[in-house]
Amino acid sequence: MASTTLVPRWQLALAVFRLLLGAFCSVLAFAASGGLAQKSLGLWIAYTVYALAAVFGYSLERRGYMLLSLLVDTVFFLICTSLPLEYNAGISALFYLFILMSAALLHTPREIFAVVLATTIFLFLTRTTSTLVLSPGVLLSGTAVTVMALQRQALQVRLRAAARQAIMYRTEAEHAREAERQRIAHDFHDGPLQCFVGFQMRLQVVRKVMDRDPVKAIAEVEELQQLARNQGEEIRQFVRSMRPPEIDGAGLVPSIKKLVESFERDTGVVSTFVGSTTRVPPETQSATEVLQIVREALHNVQKHAQAKHLTVGVGRDGEIFELSIEDDGNGFPFAGAYSLDELELLKRGPVTIRSRVRNLNGELLLDSDPGKRTALKIRIPL
């Protein structure tokens, strides 16, 4: 019985339905008075054994012979309609109902249409009383199930497309997380970790100097205290940069403006925000990613550019959100303007920002003038 648990419930229900049909037809053939009906008893017993095996998970469907299974059921249905069994019309109707349910769940519209056509032709040619009664219902129900199978096939195509898209989004999310982890590790290595290493080395120097020149050692300790205070502030900024950005109730543009104002207050870099009247829907799904791009760009300016002035501009061109970030700092070690595709090909520019813009289906232009300025221009579809 352990294999029964491997069969889906709906497939198990169909197998039990088939078993009941086979057993009932076997009983009717055994009790029939006609010689032809009694001679079919062996066939019905064989069909019942096949149906019993299907209940335990040994059906042809489970073995991959889907079309052969449909053919076997259809042949026995046609045998049932042609034999002079008691309750022939009722049992034939139930048999056909089982075939249609099985076909709708397991088979293609073309296979279902073939079964319906073959059944209709057979019933038309035999022209017995029971087949004349069954013919209209067979044709109408078969047509309905064929339409249902077409709908099922269309839904399966859409589900497969949705599954592929979900896999693609999951892969992109994993790449973004990995890029974020690398950025954090790189920033920690270049910032707090290096400072702590230098702090430790200077403590060793103070320990050696203390016995020879106490005054110089005290001055060195005071410098270390100031260094510790600076390091504490840098760690606080580092922790703040790791927090996910939040869009306030006013929307994306006010959130960017607030971020720029906080940057100026924390770093002393004169920062200008342009575009306060630009309206962007606050519920846009890309708003958080855009804000994260701004924060990373500001972090890069603080860490690498040594800039004195910064300008952040926002705008809207139809359904395109435009963002520009320009500073008068060191710039990148290369000169010229590069698009997103060119930067990725050359492996230049801010990696994380490139990845986020790509995931948003946006455009990026990086204009670098070493030692003078850097300008980022980004366009994101809303």
Foldseek 3Di string as FASTA:
>chain_A
DVQLVVDDPVQLVLLVLQLVLLVVLLVQLCPDPDPVSVVCNVVSVVSNVQSVVVNSPNHVVSVVNLLVNLVVLLVVLLVLCPDPTPVSLVSSVSSLVSSLVSCLVRHALVSLVVSLVVLLVSLVVVPDPSSVVCNVVSNVSSVVSSVSRVVVVVVVVVVVVVVVVVVVVVVLVVVLVVLVVVVLVVCCVVALVVLVVVLVVLVVVLVVCCVVPVVVSVVSVVVSVVSVVVSVLVVVVSVVLPDQQDADPQALLVSLVVLQVVLCVSQVAAEEEEDSPADDPRPDPCSSLVSNLSSVVSVCCRPPFPFRYKYWYWHDDPQKIKIKIKTFGQWDPDAAKDKLVRCVVVVDDDPSSSSSLVVQVKIWIWGTDGGTMIMIMIIGGD
